[in-house]
Amino acid sequence: MAQPRPDQTEPEETGAPAEAAGHLSDHTGDPPDEKDPRAAARGASTAPGETPPGGGSPTGAEAAGDGGGAEAAGDRPPSLWRNLDYLYWWTGNGLSTLGTSVSMIAFPLLMLWATGSAAQAGTITGLQMLGKLATLAVGGALADRVSRRAILCLSSLAEALAMGAVALLVYRGDPSIPALDALALASGLAAGLKNSVAAPVLRRVVPKEQVPDATAQMMGRDMVVQLVGAPLGGLLYTVGRWVPFLFDALSFLFITVSSLLIRRPLGPDRAPGGEQRPGLVAEMRDGVRMIRRSEYLVFTLVWGAVLNTVAQGLTLLFIVLIHHRGGGPNAVGLASSLAVVGGVVGAVAAPNLIRSLGARRVLTLAAWTFAGSFALVALVPQPWQIGLVMLLGMTCMVPINVVTESYEVRLVPDAYVGRVAATSRFCFQAVQWIGPLAAGVLADAMGAPSATLLLAGLMVLLALALPFGRRHLAVLDIPLAEVEELPAPTAGGPAPNRPDAPGGQEPAGPPADDVLTGPAKGSP
């Protein structure tokens, strides 16, 4: 549903694999020419002494300022597909996601085969989710204080070992259920740490003006991977019950390799002047304070958490609806495939829509169309028609994510991006379980069509909240390339102006540290 320039910093420490110390970099040197707004917009991609994304050496203004990885004045940045660091990141994550999609199918099948219990199949999936949730927040703080490259390598290796151990236990026959549960939990704990680093690393390998394109490309990739992963998981499971888990274990090695191949420093940068960093808990609190000082971040955090919960409920109800309309497993598979196709279409279209229509219009139109798809899916009579409506819904869902995540990346300074992204994910995952649970209860009580219409009503309220929250979303009226980073929070004293409104002016309303007292706000 992922911020003025910081002060000059020391080069990052060295140590850990390939470096010492994924969304941002600190920016130093002279400010861009104020007469050239495009130059100002390009600022903020490369830390001092870094190589621009895709290789090469910074020269001229790029070396002195903060336009690393950006194009020369007046030129568009090169295609992301020519950025080798991005290609390593995109490919490594894609292959790892494919392995995860395979094991997500294999784990429930294994539990049903070993125990015959659907509850146990749900338990092992739930343990993985709880593991991720447990380490997301602390992982975000770690991503802003220790080597992100080391976190990526070690957490991916831990996941590989956990899945390799599962494959070994299954290969030997009659695996211990508590042991499998423990390994699933361990895999989730490592995944939470790895996911908390993804946003800061993306910011380091991609110029900020290209973040919408990168976000859309990765979402489209993941949609295709899900489309391939489910049938592949079933196929590998028929070859041997242990094979999908070995496949997943090997897939995690690609993230380790890709993170070592990335040439740019992934951060974080060393604190200026060698000053001592605050404790881990204090830094986690600073991440929350960074969110609070931006009305946009607070609004999209709450709004997106509610949206994510409603969408999770619909995910369950659309399966119930297909069954209610007389469809079987094949109909569910067809409808799911159509929904994934819609996600791919949305990912391809999102960057161009944002550039042509503006971020606010895209967010508003997508929210209303998504709400309409909720109502329509409850009314169409045939399972294949449900699939077509889901295609429309997912086509709109992806641009919502691209808008909210791209502006978050642009706003949050490098020193805080790990904590902010992890806090957002923690909030979303902490409440998303309510969606399927409530949807199931409502479907039993009032029928699947009526329950779906009720969720459509909740989605209409979310769409209505966008114009009422216009002041909180003022930053969406600024072209993404011209959005300035938020200032770092300071202990005590008045909060500086927030660049959340056009022209960098502080919007009318409460001071930054009092934002939470205003209307409820959230980001998918």
Protein backbone atom coordinates (compact mmCIF):
# COMPACT_ATOMS: atom_id res chain seq x y z
CA MET A 1 0.00 0.00 0.00
CA ALA A 2 7.40 2.67 0.70
CA GLN A 3 11.73 14.65 2.95
CA PRO A 4 15.20 19.26 2.95
CA ARG A 5 18.53 17.67 2.27
CA PRO A 6 20.38 16.29 5.34
CA ASP A 7 23.68 17.65 6.50
CA GLN A 8 26.92 16.42 5.00
CA THR A 9 28.03 13.06 6.33
CA GLU A 10 31.16 10.97 6.49
CA PRO A 11 31.60 8.14 3.95
CA GLU A 12 30.03 4.93 5.14
CA GLU A 13 32.03 2.55 7.27
CA THR A 14 33.72 -0.52 5.90
CA GLY A 15 33.49 -3.98 7.26
CA ALA A 16 30.87 -6.88 6.72
CA PRO A 17 30.59 -8.38 3.25
CA ALA A 18 31.82 -5.87 0.70
CA GLU A 19 31.29 -2.86 3.03
CA ALA A 20 31.06 -1.82 6.64
CA ALA A 21 28.30 -0.32 7.50
CA GLY A 22 17.20 -0.56 0.52
CA HIS A 23 15.30 3.37 -0.25
CA LEU A 24 17.85 6.47 0.02
CA SER A 25 21.22 8.21 0.05
CA ASP A 26 22.44 11.30 1.88
CA HIS A 27 23.10 14.36 -0.23
CA THR A 28 25.96 16.76 0.08
CA GLY A 29 27.69 19.58 -1.69
CA ASP A 30 26.31 22.68 -3.29
CA PRO A 31 22.58 22.87 -3.94
CA PRO A 32 21.38 22.53 -7.53
CA ASP A 33 20.91 25.62 -9.62
CA GLU A 34 17.69 27.19 -8.32
CA LYS A 35 16.95 28.54 -11.78
CA ASP A 36 16.74 25.02 -13.14
CA PRO A 37 13.90 23.18 -11.38
CA ARG A 38 14.75 19.99 -13.21
CA ALA A 39 18.27 20.15 -11.78
CA ALA A 40 16.82 20.73 -8.32
CA ALA A 41 14.49 17.81 -8.80
CA ARG A 42 17.33 15.53 -9.82
CA GLY A 43 19.26 16.18 -6.68
CA ALA A 44 19.32 13.34 -4.10
CA SER A 45 20.36 10.06 -5.45
CA THR A 46 24.05 9.60 -4.80
CA ALA A 47 25.92 9.75 -1.54
CA PRO A 48 29.38 11.39 -1.39
CA GLY A 49 31.83 9.59 -3.59
CA GLU A 50 29.33 7.03 -4.81
CA THR A 51 29.11 5.70 -8.32
CA PRO A 52 25.95 6.62 -10.20
CA PRO A 53 23.41 3.82 -10.58
CA GLY A 54 24.45 1.42 -13.28
CA GLY A 55 28.14 2.18 -12.95
CA GLY A 56 30.46 4.91 -14.14
CA SER A 57 32.11 7.68 -12.15
CA PRO A 58 30.42 10.82 -10.94
CA THR A 59 31.71 13.88 -12.69
CA GLY A 60 31.26 17.61 -12.48
CA ALA A 61 28.12 18.69 -10.69
CA GLU A 62 27.17 15.08 -10.02
CA ALA A 63 30.29 14.53 -7.94
CA ALA A 64 29.90 17.81 -6.10
CA GLY A 65 26.17 17.73 -5.57
CA ASP A 66 23.40 15.24 -5.16
CA GLY A 67 22.46 14.28 -8.68
CA GLY A 68 24.25 10.94 -8.80
CA GLY A 69 22.69 8.60 -11.25
CA ALA A 70 20.66 11.41 -12.78
CA GLU A 71 21.14 12.65 -16.26
CA ALA A 72 22.97 15.72 -17.43
CA ALA A 73 20.93 18.91 -17.26
CA GLY A 74 17.99 18.78 -19.61
CA ASP A 75 18.28 15.03 -20.39
CA ARG A 76 16.11 12.14 -19.22
CA PRO A 77 17.80 9.56 -17.00
CA PRO A 78 18.90 6.38 -18.80
CA SER A 79 16.56 3.42 -18.86
CA LEU A 80 16.48 1.35 -15.67
CA TRP A 81 17.30 -1.68 -17.80
CA ARG A 82 20.71 -0.11 -18.45
CA ASN A 83 21.33 0.25 -14.71
CA LEU A 84 23.33 -2.87 -13.80
CA ASP A 85 22.89 -2.44 -10.06
CA TYR A 86 19.13 -2.27 -10.51
CA LEU A 87 19.19 -5.31 -12.79
CA TYR A 88 21.08 -7.31 -10.16
CA TRP A 89 18.55 -6.24 -7.51
CA TRP A 90 15.51 -6.80 -9.72
CA THR A 91 16.66 -10.25 -10.86
CA GLY A 92 17.83 -11.52 -7.48
CA ASN A 93 14.60 -10.51 -5.77
CA GLY A 94 12.49 -11.91 -8.58
CA LEU A 95 14.11 -15.35 -8.39
CA SER A 96 13.82 -15.35 -4.59
CA THR A 97 10.14 -14.38 -4.83
CA LEU A 98 9.57 -17.26 -7.23
CA GLY A 99 11.03 -19.67 -4.67
CA THR A 100 8.82 -18.22 -1.94
CA SER A 101 5.73 -18.60 -4.13
CA VAL A 102 6.61 -22.25 -4.67
CA SER A 103 7.07 -23.00 -0.95
CA MET A 104 3.87 -21.14 -0.02
CA ILE A 105 1.96 -23.73 -2.06
CA ALA A 106 4.07 -26.65 -0.85
CA PHE A 107 3.84 -25.96 2.90
CA PRO A 108 0.03 -26.34 3.17
CA LEU A 109 0.15 -29.39 0.91
CA LEU A 110 2.85 -30.93 3.10
CA MET A 111 0.89 -30.30 6.30
CA LEU A 112 -2.27 -31.79 4.82
CA TRP A 113 -0.29 -34.85 3.70
CA ALA A 114 1.50 -35.26 7.04
CA THR A 115 -1.37 -34.52 9.44
CA GLY A 116 -4.60 -34.35 7.45
CA SER A 117 -5.34 -31.16 9.39
CA ALA A 118 -6.31 -27.92 7.66
CA ALA A 119 -5.73 -26.13 10.98
CA GLN A 120 -2.10 -27.27 11.02
CA ALA A 121 -1.70 -26.13 7.42
CA GLY A 122 -2.94 -22.70 8.49
CA THR A 123 -0.72 -22.74 11.59
CA ILE A 124 2.52 -23.14 9.67
CA THR A 125 1.58 -20.28 7.31
CA GLY A 126 0.59 -18.14 10.29
CA LEU A 127 3.94 -18.81 12.01
CA GLN A 128 5.80 -17.51 8.96
CA MET A 129 3.67 -14.34 8.97
CA LEU A 130 4.19 -13.83 12.72
CA GLY A 131 7.93 -14.24 12.28
CA LYS A 132 8.00 -11.50 9.65
CA LEU A 133 5.91 -9.21 11.83
CA ALA A 134 8.17 -9.78 14.85
CA THR A 135 11.34 -8.54 13.13
CA LEU A 136 10.03 -5.86 10.76
CA ALA A 137 10.24 -2.92 13.17
CA VAL A 138 13.61 -3.82 14.66
CA GLY A 139 14.90 -4.65 11.18
CA GLY A 140 13.99 -1.17 9.99
CA ALA A 141 16.05 0.37 12.80
CA LEU A 142 18.96 -1.98 12.07
CA ALA A 143 18.83 -1.02 8.39
CA ASP A 144 19.58 2.58 9.39
CA ARG A 145 22.53 1.75 11.67
CA VAL A 146 24.39 -1.36 10.37
CA SER A 147 25.43 -2.63 6.95
CA ARG A 148 22.38 -3.18 4.77
CA ARG A 149 24.42 -5.43 2.51
CA ALA A 150 25.31 -7.62 5.50
CA ILE A 151 21.65 -7.80 6.59
CA LEU A 152 20.64 -8.86 3.09
CA CYS A 153 23.31 -11.54 2.85
CA LEU A 154 22.90 -12.98 6.35
CA SER A 155 19.10 -12.97 6.43
CA SER A 156 18.89 -14.59 2.97
CA LEU A 157 21.39 -17.24 4.01
CA ALA A 158 19.35 -17.89 7.17
CA GLU A 159 16.22 -18.39 5.05
CA ALA A 160 18.15 -20.70 2.73
CA LEU A 161 19.33 -22.81 5.69
CA ALA A 162 15.79 -22.98 7.14
CA MET A 163 14.25 -24.13 3.85
CA GLY A 164 17.16 -26.49 3.23
CA ALA A 165 16.53 -28.08 6.64
CA VAL A 166 12.84 -28.50 5.77
CA ALA A 167 13.81 -30.19 2.49
CA LEU A 168 16.16 -32.55 4.38
CA LEU A 169 13.55 -33.48 6.99
CA VAL A 170 10.94 -34.18 4.31
CA TYR A 171 13.42 -36.13 2.20
CA ARG A 172 14.18 -38.43 5.15
CA GLY A 173 10.48 -39.10 5.64
CA ASP A 174 8.04 -38.63 8.54
CA PRO A 175 9.20 -35.09 9.47
CA SER A 176 8.53 -33.76 12.97
CA ILE A 177 5.64 -31.28 12.88
CA PRO A 178 7.07 -29.10 15.75
CA ALA A 179 10.40 -29.00 13.88
CA LEU A 180 8.68 -27.87 10.68
CA ASP A 181 6.75 -25.22 12.62
CA ALA A 182 9.98 -23.97 14.22
CA LEU A 183 11.75 -23.78 10.85
CA ALA A 184 8.79 -21.89 9.32
CA LEU A 185 8.99 -19.39 12.21
CA ALA A 186 12.76 -19.03 11.76
CA SER A 187 12.29 -18.42 8.04
CA GLY A 188 9.73 -15.72 8.82
CA LEU A 189 12.04 -14.01 11.33
CA ALA A 190 14.80 -13.82 8.72
CA ALA A 191 12.34 -12.65 6.05
CA GLY A 192 11.25 -9.74 8.25
CA LEU A 193 14.84 -8.53 8.53
CA LYS A 194 15.38 -8.91 4.78
CA ASN A 195 12.17 -7.09 3.88
CA SER A 196 13.03 -4.17 6.14
CA VAL A 197 16.15 -3.51 4.05
CA ALA A 198 14.41 -3.63 0.66
CA ALA A 199 13.21 -0.01 0.65
CA PRO A 200 16.59 1.58 1.57
CA VAL A 201 18.42 -0.54 -1.00
CA LEU A 202 16.00 0.43 -3.78
CA ARG A 203 16.64 4.11 -3.03
CA ARG A 204 20.39 3.54 -3.30
CA VAL A 205 20.34 1.76 -6.66
CA VAL A 206 17.65 3.84 -8.42
CA PRO A 207 17.55 7.63 -8.96
CA LYS A 208 14.58 9.02 -7.08
CA GLU A 209 12.90 10.38 -10.20
CA GLN A 210 12.74 6.78 -11.50
CA VAL A 211 11.30 5.24 -8.31
CA PRO A 212 7.72 5.06 -9.75
CA ASP A 213 9.02 3.12 -12.76
CA ALA A 214 11.09 0.80 -10.55
CA THR A 215 8.22 0.22 -8.12
CA ALA A 216 5.80 -0.58 -10.95
CA GLN A 217 8.31 -2.89 -12.63
CA MET A 218 8.87 -4.83 -9.41
CA MET A 219 5.14 -5.12 -8.72
CA GLY A 220 4.57 -6.37 -12.27
CA ARG A 221 7.42 -8.85 -11.84
CA ASP A 222 5.93 -10.15 -8.60
CA MET A 223 2.52 -10.57 -10.23
CA VAL A 224 4.02 -12.66 -13.00
CA VAL A 225 6.05 -14.65 -10.46
CA GLN A 226 2.87 -15.45 -8.50
CA LEU A 227 1.20 -16.54 -11.73
CA VAL A 228 4.07 -18.96 -12.42
CA GLY A 229 4.87 -19.93 -8.82
CA ALA A 230 1.57 -21.60 -7.88
CA PRO A 231 1.48 -24.18 -10.71
CA LEU A 232 5.25 -24.66 -10.46
CA GLY A 233 4.92 -25.41 -6.74
CA GLY A 234 2.28 -28.04 -7.43
CA LEU A 235 4.40 -29.58 -10.20
CA LEU A 236 7.55 -29.78 -8.08
CA TYR A 237 5.56 -31.25 -5.21
CA THR A 238 4.46 -34.12 -7.46
CA VAL A 239 8.13 -34.74 -8.39
CA GLY A 240 9.04 -35.05 -4.71
CA ARG A 241 7.60 -33.53 -1.54
CA TRP A 242 11.02 -32.18 -0.60
CA VAL A 243 11.80 -30.64 -4.02
CA PRO A 244 9.85 -27.34 -3.63
CA PHE A 245 11.68 -26.56 -0.39
CA LEU A 246 15.09 -27.25 -1.92
CA PHE A 247 14.07 -25.01 -4.83
CA ASP A 248 13.15 -22.24 -2.37
CA ALA A 249 16.40 -22.68 -0.44
CA LEU A 250 18.44 -22.27 -3.61
CA SER A 251 16.39 -19.23 -4.65
CA PHE A 252 17.46 -17.31 -1.54
CA LEU A 253 21.07 -17.57 -2.63
CA PHE A 254 20.29 -15.28 -5.57
CA ILE A 255 19.61 -12.34 -3.24
CA THR A 256 22.96 -12.93 -1.55
CA VAL A 257 24.75 -13.02 -4.89
CA SER A 258 22.89 -10.01 -6.29
CA SER A 259 23.58 -7.91 -3.17
CA LEU A 260 27.30 -8.68 -3.47
CA LEU A 261 27.30 -7.76 -7.17
CA ILE A 262 25.76 -4.32 -6.57
CA ARG A 263 28.63 -1.86 -6.85
CA ARG A 264 27.09 1.15 -5.13
CA PRO A 265 27.44 1.48 -1.35
CA LEU A 266 24.11 0.47 0.19
CA GLY A 267 24.62 2.39 3.43
CA PRO A 268 23.86 3.55 5.94
CA ASP A 269 26.34 6.42 6.01
CA ARG A 270 28.36 7.03 9.13
CA ALA A 271 27.05 9.66 11.54
CA PRO A 272 28.67 13.08 10.93
CA GLY A 273 31.78 13.83 13.00
CA GLY A 274 31.89 10.26 14.32
CA GLU A 275 29.24 11.10 16.89
CA GLN A 276 27.76 8.24 18.89
CA ARG A 277 24.44 6.88 17.64
CA PRO A 278 21.46 6.61 19.98
CA GLY A 279 20.21 3.22 21.11
CA LEU A 280 18.12 0.92 18.91
CA VAL A 281 14.86 1.67 20.72
CA ALA A 282 15.52 5.42 20.50
CA GLU A 283 16.10 5.12 16.75
CA MET A 284 12.84 3.20 16.33
CA ARG A 285 11.07 6.06 18.13
CA ASP A 286 12.78 8.52 15.79
CA GLY A 287 11.32 6.61 12.83
CA VAL A 288 7.82 7.07 14.28
CA ARG A 289 8.54 10.77 14.84
CA MET A 290 9.61 11.08 11.20
CA ILE A 291 6.23 9.71 10.13
CA ARG A 292 4.40 12.04 12.51
CA ARG A 293 6.07 15.15 11.14
CA SER A 294 4.53 14.58 7.68
CA GLU A 295 0.78 14.82 7.30
CA TYR A 296 1.10 12.83 4.09
CA LEU A 297 2.90 9.91 5.75
CA VAL A 298 0.46 9.77 8.66
CA PHE A 299 -2.59 9.95 6.39
CA THR A 300 -1.37 7.30 3.96
CA LEU A 301 -0.26 5.04 6.80
CA VAL A 302 -3.73 4.85 8.35
CA TRP A 303 -5.64 5.04 5.05
CA GLY A 304 -3.48 2.33 3.52
CA ALA A 305 -3.73 0.05 6.54
CA VAL A 306 -7.54 0.17 6.35
CA LEU A 307 -7.46 -0.33 2.56
CA ASN A 308 -5.15 -3.32 2.94
CA THR A 309 -7.48 -4.88 5.52
CA VAL A 310 -10.53 -4.44 3.27
CA ALA A 311 -8.63 -5.84 0.26
CA GLN A 312 -7.57 -8.91 2.26
CA GLY A 313 -11.24 -9.50 3.09
CA LEU A 314 -12.16 -9.32 -0.59
CA THR A 315 -9.44 -11.85 -1.41
CA LEU A 316 -11.30 -14.40 0.69
CA LEU A 317 -14.78 -13.36 -0.45
CA PHE A 318 -14.06 -13.64 -4.15
CA ILE A 319 -13.24 -17.34 -3.64
CA VAL A 320 -16.42 -17.78 -1.60
CA LEU A 321 -18.38 -15.98 -4.32
CA ILE A 322 -17.05 -18.28 -7.04
CA HIS A 323 -18.11 -21.27 -4.97
CA HIS A 324 -21.50 -19.61 -4.37
CA ARG A 325 -21.91 -19.17 -8.15
CA GLY A 326 -21.19 -22.86 -8.77
CA GLY A 327 -17.51 -22.65 -9.67
CA GLY A 328 -14.91 -25.22 -8.63
CA PRO A 329 -11.12 -25.15 -8.12
CA ASN A 330 -10.47 -24.61 -11.82
CA ALA A 331 -12.73 -21.54 -11.80
CA VAL A 332 -10.87 -20.19 -8.78
CA GLY A 333 -7.57 -20.72 -10.58
CA LEU A 334 -8.85 -18.94 -13.71
CA ALA A 335 -10.16 -16.00 -11.70
CA SER A 336 -6.88 -15.73 -9.78
CA SER A 337 -4.92 -15.72 -13.03
CA LEU A 338 -7.12 -12.94 -14.44
CA ALA A 339 -6.54 -10.91 -11.27
CA VAL A 340 -2.77 -11.33 -11.65
CA VAL A 341 -3.01 -10.20 -15.29
CA GLY A 342 -4.80 -7.08 -14.05
CA GLY A 343 -1.95 -6.43 -11.63
CA VAL A 344 0.57 -6.65 -14.46
CA VAL A 345 -1.48 -4.23 -16.59
CA GLY A 346 -1.68 -1.81 -13.67
CA ALA A 347 2.07 -2.02 -13.08
CA VAL A 348 2.83 -1.26 -16.73
CA ALA A 349 0.37 1.64 -16.92
CA ALA A 350 1.00 3.28 -13.53
CA PRO A 351 4.16 5.36 -14.27
CA ASN A 352 2.72 6.84 -17.49
CA LEU A 353 -0.63 7.55 -15.80
CA ILE A 354 1.11 9.40 -12.97
CA ARG A 355 3.11 11.48 -15.43
CA SER A 356 0.12 12.33 -17.63
CA LEU A 357 -2.71 12.72 -15.09
CA GLY A 358 -0.86 13.60 -11.90
CA ALA A 359 -0.51 11.53 -8.74
CA ARG A 360 -3.64 12.86 -7.00
CA ARG A 361 -5.95 12.12 -9.95
CA VAL A 362 -4.50 8.64 -10.37
CA LEU A 363 -4.99 7.88 -6.67
CA THR A 364 -8.56 9.18 -6.67
CA LEU A 365 -9.64 7.47 -9.90
CA ALA A 366 -8.04 4.18 -8.86
CA ALA A 367 -9.71 4.25 -5.43
CA TRP A 368 -13.18 4.86 -6.90
CA THR A 369 -12.74 2.23 -9.61
CA PHE A 370 -11.50 -0.25 -7.01
CA ALA A 371 -14.61 0.47 -4.91
CA GLY A 372 -16.82 -0.05 -7.98
CA SER A 373 -15.19 -3.41 -8.66
CA PHE A 374 -16.14 -4.49 -5.11
CA ALA A 375 -19.80 -3.81 -5.82
CA LEU A 376 -19.73 -5.32 -9.31
CA VAL A 377 -18.07 -8.56 -8.23
CA ALA A 378 -21.01 -9.23 -5.88
CA LEU A 379 -23.55 -8.81 -8.66
CA VAL A 380 -22.18 -10.67 -11.71
CA PRO A 381 -23.65 -14.18 -12.08
CA GLN A 382 -20.83 -16.23 -13.65
CA PRO A 383 -17.45 -17.25 -12.13
CA TRP A 384 -15.55 -16.11 -15.23
CA GLN A 385 -17.23 -12.70 -14.91
CA ILE A 386 -15.99 -12.51 -11.32
CA GLY A 387 -12.49 -13.07 -12.72
CA LEU A 388 -12.88 -10.22 -15.20
CA VAL A 389 -14.05 -7.85 -12.46
CA MET A 390 -11.06 -8.89 -10.32
CA LEU A 391 -8.83 -8.08 -13.30
CA LEU A 392 -10.25 -4.55 -13.25
CA GLY A 393 -9.83 -4.29 -9.48
CA MET A 394 -6.18 -5.35 -9.50
CA THR A 395 -5.45 -3.03 -12.43
CA CYS A 396 -6.45 -0.18 -10.10
CA MET A 397 -4.85 -1.52 -6.93
CA VAL A 398 -1.29 -1.44 -8.25
CA PRO A 399 -1.31 2.29 -9.23
CA ILE A 400 -2.51 3.09 -5.69
CA ASN A 401 0.58 1.37 -4.31
CA VAL A 402 2.89 3.00 -6.86
CA VAL A 403 1.66 6.51 -5.97
CA THR A 404 1.85 6.13 -2.19
CA GLU A 405 5.18 4.28 -2.12
CA SER A 406 6.89 6.58 -4.65
CA TYR A 407 6.09 9.72 -2.68
CA GLU A 408 7.15 8.06 0.56
CA VAL A 409 10.53 7.23 -0.98
CA ARG A 410 10.91 10.82 -2.17
CA LEU A 411 10.03 12.32 1.22
CA VAL A 412 12.01 10.19 3.68
CA PRO A 413 15.76 10.87 4.13
CA ASP A 414 18.16 7.96 3.77
CA ALA A 415 18.96 7.90 7.48
CA TYR A 416 15.30 7.14 8.31
CA VAL A 417 13.95 5.20 5.34
CA GLY A 418 14.52 1.77 6.86
CA ARG A 419 12.60 2.63 10.02
CA VAL A 420 9.78 4.41 8.19
CA ALA A 421 9.26 1.62 5.64
CA ALA A 422 9.41 -1.07 8.34
CA THR A 423 6.96 0.81 10.56
CA SER A 424 4.51 1.08 7.65
CA ARG A 425 4.76 -2.62 6.84
CA PHE A 426 4.39 -3.50 10.52
CA CYS A 427 1.17 -1.49 10.76
CA PHE A 428 -0.27 -3.06 7.62
CA GLN A 429 0.56 -6.62 8.61
CA ALA A 430 -0.57 -6.09 12.20
CA VAL A 431 -4.16 -5.40 11.09
CA GLN A 432 -4.54 -7.20 7.75
CA TRP A 433 -5.54 -10.47 9.44
CA ILE A 434 -8.77 -8.74 10.53
CA GLY A 435 -9.95 -8.57 6.89
CA PRO A 436 -10.27 -12.30 6.12
CA LEU A 437 -11.57 -13.06 9.62
CA ALA A 438 -14.30 -10.39 9.47
CA ALA A 439 -15.16 -11.27 5.87
CA GLY A 440 -15.62 -14.93 6.76
CA VAL A 441 -17.87 -14.11 9.72
CA LEU A 442 -19.94 -11.72 7.60
CA ALA A 443 -20.26 -14.23 4.75
CA ASP A 444 -21.58 -16.88 7.17
CA ALA A 445 -23.99 -14.41 8.78
CA MET A 446 -25.40 -12.60 5.73
CA GLY A 447 -24.20 -14.44 2.64
CA ALA A 448 -21.17 -13.81 0.42
CA PRO A 449 -22.84 -11.26 -1.95
CA SER A 450 -24.14 -9.11 0.94
CA ALA A 451 -20.79 -9.30 2.75
CA THR A 452 -19.01 -8.18 -0.43
CA LEU A 453 -21.38 -5.24 -0.86
CA LEU A 454 -20.66 -4.24 2.74
CA LEU A 455 -16.94 -4.21 1.98
CA ALA A 456 -17.71 -2.15 -1.14
CA GLY A 457 -19.38 0.39 1.16
CA LEU A 458 -16.23 0.57 3.28
CA MET A 459 -14.17 1.11 0.13
CA VAL A 460 -16.49 3.98 -0.88
CA LEU A 461 -15.78 5.61 2.51
CA LEU A 462 -12.05 5.26 1.84
CA ALA A 463 -12.46 6.89 -1.57
CA LEU A 464 -14.48 9.72 0.01
CA ALA A 465 -11.69 10.26 2.54
CA LEU A 466 -9.31 11.35 -0.23
CA PRO A 467 -11.00 14.70 -1.05
CA PHE A 468 -11.66 15.31 2.64
CA GLY A 469 -7.95 14.68 3.29
CA ARG A 470 -6.88 17.04 0.52
CA ARG A 471 -4.70 19.13 2.84
CA HIS A 472 -2.87 16.03 4.07
CA LEU A 473 -2.23 14.91 0.47
CA ALA A 474 -1.03 18.31 -0.79
CA VAL A 475 2.37 16.85 -1.67
CA LEU A 476 0.70 14.83 -4.46
CA ASP A 477 0.13 18.11 -6.33
CA ILE A 478 3.91 18.49 -6.67
CA PRO A 479 5.61 16.57 -9.49
CA LEU A 480 7.55 13.74 -7.90
CA ALA A 481 10.91 14.99 -9.16
CA GLU A 482 10.38 18.34 -7.39
CA VAL A 483 9.41 16.97 -3.95
CA GLU A 484 11.93 17.84 -1.25
CA GLU A 485 12.93 15.52 1.55
CA LEU A 486 11.61 16.03 5.05
CA PRO A 487 14.01 17.48 7.61
CA ALA A 488 15.30 15.08 10.22
CA PRO A 489 13.40 15.26 13.53
CA THR A 490 15.11 17.15 16.33
CA ALA A 491 14.70 16.71 20.04
CA GLY A 492 12.61 19.60 21.31
CA GLY A 493 12.21 22.98 19.70
CA PRO A 494 9.76 24.04 17.03
CA ALA A 495 9.36 21.77 14.05
CA PRO A 496 10.64 23.15 10.73
CA ASN A 497 8.29 23.75 7.85
CA ARG A 498 7.16 20.55 6.14
CA PRO A 499 7.59 20.40 2.35
CA ASP A 500 4.17 18.73 2.11
CA ALA A 501 2.48 21.45 0.07
CA PRO A 502 3.22 22.95 -3.35
CA GLY A 503 6.20 25.26 -3.23
CA GLY A 504 7.47 23.71 -0.01
CA GLN A 505 5.19 25.88 2.11
CA GLU A 506 3.80 24.53 5.34
CA PRO A 507 0.08 23.77 4.94
CA ALA A 508 -2.39 25.25 7.33
CA GLY A 509 -3.07 23.11 10.37
CA PRO A 510 -1.44 21.82 13.52
CA PRO A 511 2.36 21.78 14.02
CA ALA A 512 4.20 18.76 12.67
CA ASP A 513 4.55 17.01 16.02
CA ASP A 514 0.80 17.40 16.67
CA VAL A 515 -0.35 15.78 13.43
CA LEU A 516 -1.67 12.69 15.17
CA THR A 517 -4.27 14.79 16.97
CA GLY A 518 -5.93 15.54 13.63
CA PRO A 519 -8.13 13.32 11.49
CA ALA A 520 -7.20 9.66 11.18
CA LYS A 521 -4.69 9.00 8.49
CA GLY A 522 -2.34 5.50 6.51
CA SER A 523 -0.27 3.55 2.80
CA PRO A 524 -0.85 0.35 0.98
